[in-house]
Amino acid sequence: MDRHFLKTRYTHSSAPALLAALQERILVLDGAMGTMIQALAFDESAYRGTPWAEHPVDLQGNNDLLNLTQPEAIKRIHLAYLRVGADIISTNTFNSTAIAQDDYALGDATQQLNSEGARLAREAADEVSAETPHRPRFVAGFWGPRREPHQFPPMSTIQGLAISHLTSSLLTTPKRQLPSSKAGSTCS
């Protein structure tokens, strides 16, 4: 691993501890957040919570929204992964992009979803790190373009790309949707 890259790319205060941990052992990343959420079998009302009780679109399946409506459950999942040995947990923010949230008519909630997802993961990591100070835990931002993989039409022509309802430029999400380091860094 290129230590110079890590030192210049990541300047968060946990970077030295991360570098030290990488020198000592193989770090373990958490598992599938979606699988753990599905096991909780939340219904539509659990996804909606009070803020979106009257929202015109079905919200069940919008796992990132649970950062706001069921934060205790998301934090418990993070804690479970950390307590069984994960060194790094990923934020519950894979679909916290405007393009993914537009499927639920919540594209304007991306900043809040990302910030809360980062905060919950950071709190869990800090809690378990305090229990075992000799073994700090880390948080990695987890962010994808949308719920389903994007595929261009199976045409080899420019016209094929033109008829696709999604373009590569549309899949490039603005940086402003990510939480700032002051709001709760996802690279810590």
Protein backbone atom coordinates (compact mmCIF):
# COMPACT_ATOMS: atom_id res chain seq x y z
CA MET A 1 0.00 0.00 0.00
CA ASP A 2 1.32 3.40 -0.96
CA ARG A 3 1.70 5.22 2.37
CA HIS A 4 2.42 8.50 0.59
CA PHE A 5 -0.98 8.30 -1.14
CA LEU A 6 -2.77 7.72 2.14
CA LYS A 7 -0.90 10.52 3.87
CA THR A 8 -1.64 13.06 1.15
CA ARG A 9 -5.18 11.95 0.31
CA TYR A 10 -6.65 11.54 3.78
CA THR A 11 -5.95 14.20 6.34
CA HIS A 12 -8.59 13.37 8.93
CA SER A 13 -7.28 13.01 12.45
CA SER A 14 -7.79 9.24 12.41
CA ALA A 15 -5.46 8.75 9.43
CA PRO A 16 -2.37 8.04 11.58
CA ALA A 17 -4.28 5.43 13.59
CA LEU A 18 -5.57 3.85 10.38
CA LEU A 19 -2.07 3.70 8.92
CA ALA A 20 -0.75 2.14 12.14
CA ALA A 21 -3.54 -0.46 12.19
CA LEU A 22 -2.85 -1.35 8.54
CA GLN A 23 0.79 -1.97 9.43
CA GLU A 24 -0.21 -4.31 12.29
CA ARG A 25 -2.97 -6.47 10.85
CA ILE A 26 -5.51 -7.07 8.15
CA LEU A 27 -8.49 -4.85 8.86
CA VAL A 28 -11.99 -6.31 8.68
CA LEU A 29 -14.79 -4.43 6.93
CA ASP A 30 -18.39 -4.80 8.11
CA GLY A 31 -20.94 -6.89 6.24
CA ALA A 32 -24.08 -6.19 4.26
CA MET A 33 -26.16 -3.41 5.82
CA GLY A 34 -29.14 -4.16 3.57
CA THR A 35 -29.33 -7.77 4.71
CA MET A 36 -29.30 -6.74 8.35
CA ILE A 37 -32.02 -4.14 7.70
CA GLN A 38 -34.20 -6.66 5.86
CA ALA A 39 -33.96 -9.01 8.84
CA LEU A 40 -35.66 -6.31 10.94
CA ALA A 41 -38.72 -6.58 8.64
CA PHE A 42 -39.70 -2.91 8.89
CA ASP A 43 -43.09 -2.06 7.40
CA GLU A 44 -44.02 1.06 5.43
CA SER A 45 -44.84 3.07 8.56
CA ALA A 46 -41.41 2.32 10.05
CA TYR A 47 -39.73 3.68 6.92
CA ARG A 48 -41.93 6.77 6.90
CA GLY A 49 -41.66 7.76 10.54
CA THR A 50 -43.36 10.99 11.53
CA PRO A 51 -41.63 13.32 9.05
CA TRP A 52 -42.90 11.44 5.99
CA ALA A 53 -46.21 10.08 7.30
CA GLU A 54 -48.09 11.79 4.45
CA HIS A 55 -45.42 11.42 1.75
CA PRO A 56 -47.09 10.61 -1.59
CA VAL A 57 -44.61 7.87 -2.58
CA ASP A 58 -44.09 4.45 -0.97
CA LEU A 59 -40.87 4.54 1.06
CA GLN A 60 -40.45 0.92 2.15
CA GLY A 61 -37.11 -0.31 0.86
CA ASN A 62 -35.41 3.09 1.13
CA ASN A 63 -32.87 1.81 3.64
CA ASP A 64 -30.97 5.09 3.78
CA LEU A 65 -34.10 6.87 5.03
CA LEU A 66 -33.87 4.72 8.16
CA ASN A 67 -30.90 6.92 9.17
CA LEU A 68 -33.57 9.52 9.91
CA THR A 69 -36.63 7.46 10.86
CA GLN A 70 -35.01 4.51 12.71
CA PRO A 71 -31.57 5.79 13.76
CA GLU A 72 -31.37 3.53 16.81
CA ALA A 73 -31.76 0.44 14.61
CA ILE A 74 -29.03 1.60 12.21
CA LYS A 75 -26.67 2.32 15.09
CA ARG A 76 -27.40 -1.13 16.60
CA ILE A 77 -26.41 -2.75 13.28
CA HIS A 78 -23.14 -0.80 13.25
CA LEU A 79 -22.47 -1.78 16.86
CA ALA A 80 -23.19 -5.44 16.10
CA TYR A 81 -20.62 -5.51 13.30
CA LEU A 82 -18.05 -3.71 15.44
CA ARG A 83 -18.57 -6.00 18.41
CA VAL A 84 -18.04 -9.15 16.34
CA GLY A 85 -14.73 -7.87 15.01
CA ALA A 86 -15.18 -5.30 12.25
CA ASP A 87 -12.45 -2.67 12.25
CA ILE A 88 -14.16 -0.51 9.62
CA ILE A 89 -17.86 0.13 9.26
CA SER A 90 -19.44 1.70 6.23
CA THR A 91 -22.09 4.37 6.44
CA ASN A 92 -25.67 3.45 5.57
CA THR A 93 -25.60 5.90 2.67
CA PHE A 94 -25.19 3.87 -0.52
CA ASN A 95 -28.41 5.28 -1.99
CA SER A 96 -28.11 8.74 -0.49
CA THR A 97 -27.70 10.38 -3.87
CA ALA A 98 -30.20 12.59 -5.64
CA ILE A 99 -30.60 10.13 -8.50
CA ALA A 100 -31.43 7.24 -6.15
CA GLN A 101 -33.58 9.31 -3.79
CA ASP A 102 -35.54 10.77 -6.70
CA ASP A 103 -37.08 7.28 -7.02
CA TYR A 104 -38.78 8.10 -3.70
CA ALA A 105 -39.33 11.81 -4.39
CA LEU A 106 -36.70 12.58 -1.73
CA GLY A 107 -33.87 13.93 -3.88
CA ASP A 108 -33.70 17.05 -1.72
CA ALA A 109 -32.95 14.97 1.42
CA THR A 110 -29.52 13.71 0.35
CA GLN A 111 -27.45 16.04 2.54
CA GLN A 112 -29.48 15.12 5.60
CA LEU A 113 -29.31 11.38 4.80
CA ASN A 114 -25.54 11.50 4.30
CA SER A 115 -24.85 13.60 7.37
CA GLU A 116 -26.98 11.45 9.64
CA GLY A 117 -25.55 8.24 8.17
CA ALA A 118 -22.03 9.50 8.88
CA ARG A 119 -22.97 10.63 12.38
CA LEU A 120 -24.52 7.28 13.34
CA ALA A 121 -21.54 5.30 12.08
CA ARG A 122 -19.06 7.65 13.78
CA GLU A 123 -20.92 7.40 17.11
CA ALA A 124 -20.90 3.60 16.94
CA ALA A 125 -17.20 3.48 16.03
CA ASP A 126 -16.32 5.91 18.83
CA GLU A 127 -18.36 3.93 21.37
CA VAL A 128 -16.62 0.64 20.59
CA SER A 129 -13.21 2.32 20.29
CA ALA A 130 -13.70 3.70 23.82
CA GLU A 131 -14.38 0.16 25.06
CA THR A 132 -11.16 -1.11 23.43
CA PRO A 133 -8.80 1.88 23.15
CA HIS A 134 -5.93 -0.34 22.01
CA ARG A 135 -7.97 -1.14 18.87
CA PRO A 136 -9.55 1.95 17.28
CA ARG A 137 -12.44 1.53 14.83
CA PHE A 138 -12.91 3.45 11.60
CA VAL A 139 -15.74 4.69 9.38
CA ALA A 140 -15.75 4.54 5.60
CA GLY A 141 -18.23 6.47 3.50
CA PHE A 142 -20.31 4.17 1.33
CA TRP A 143 -21.88 5.88 -1.61
CA GLY A 144 -23.17 4.52 -4.88
CA PRO A 145 -24.93 6.04 -7.85
CA ARG A 146 -28.34 4.34 -7.46
CA ARG A 147 -30.30 1.34 -6.20
CA GLU A 148 -30.02 -0.72 -9.38
CA PRO A 149 -26.93 -1.00 -11.53
CA HIS A 150 -26.97 1.29 -14.54
CA GLN A 151 -26.71 -0.35 -17.93
CA PHE A 152 -26.61 1.42 -21.22
CA PRO A 153 -28.75 -0.06 -24.01
CA PRO A 154 -27.08 -3.01 -25.74
CA MET A 155 -26.26 -0.94 -28.82
CA SER A 156 -22.80 -0.17 -30.01
CA THR A 157 -23.81 3.13 -31.58
CA ILE A 158 -23.98 6.66 -30.31
CA GLN A 159 -27.77 6.55 -30.89
CA GLY A 160 -27.95 3.75 -28.31
CA LEU A 161 -26.40 6.00 -25.71
CA ALA A 162 -28.64 8.89 -26.69
CA ILE A 163 -31.85 6.94 -26.01
CA SER A 164 -30.78 5.82 -22.55
CA HIS A 165 -32.71 7.72 -19.87
CA LEU A 166 -29.53 7.79 -17.77
CA THR A 167 -26.22 9.10 -18.96
CA SER A 168 -22.80 8.90 -17.39
CA SER A 169 -22.94 12.60 -16.59
CA LEU A 170 -26.27 12.13 -14.80
CA LEU A 171 -24.71 9.42 -12.66
CA THR A 172 -22.00 11.80 -11.50
CA THR A 173 -23.48 13.19 -8.30
CA PRO A 174 -22.56 16.67 -7.10
CA LYS A 175 -20.11 16.80 -4.21
CA ARG A 176 -22.47 19.06 -2.26
CA GLN A 177 -24.56 15.99 -1.41
CA LEU A 178 -21.74 14.59 0.70
CA PRO A 179 -21.44 15.70 4.30
CA SER A 180 -18.66 18.14 4.94
CA SER A 181 -15.87 17.14 7.28
CA LYS A 182 -17.36 19.51 9.84
CA ALA A 183 -20.78 17.83 9.59
CA GLY A 184 -19.33 14.37 10.18
CA SER A 185 -16.70 13.00 7.86
CA THR A 186 -17.36 9.70 6.15
CA CYS A 187 -13.62 9.26 5.59
CA SER A 188 -12.51 8.73 9.14
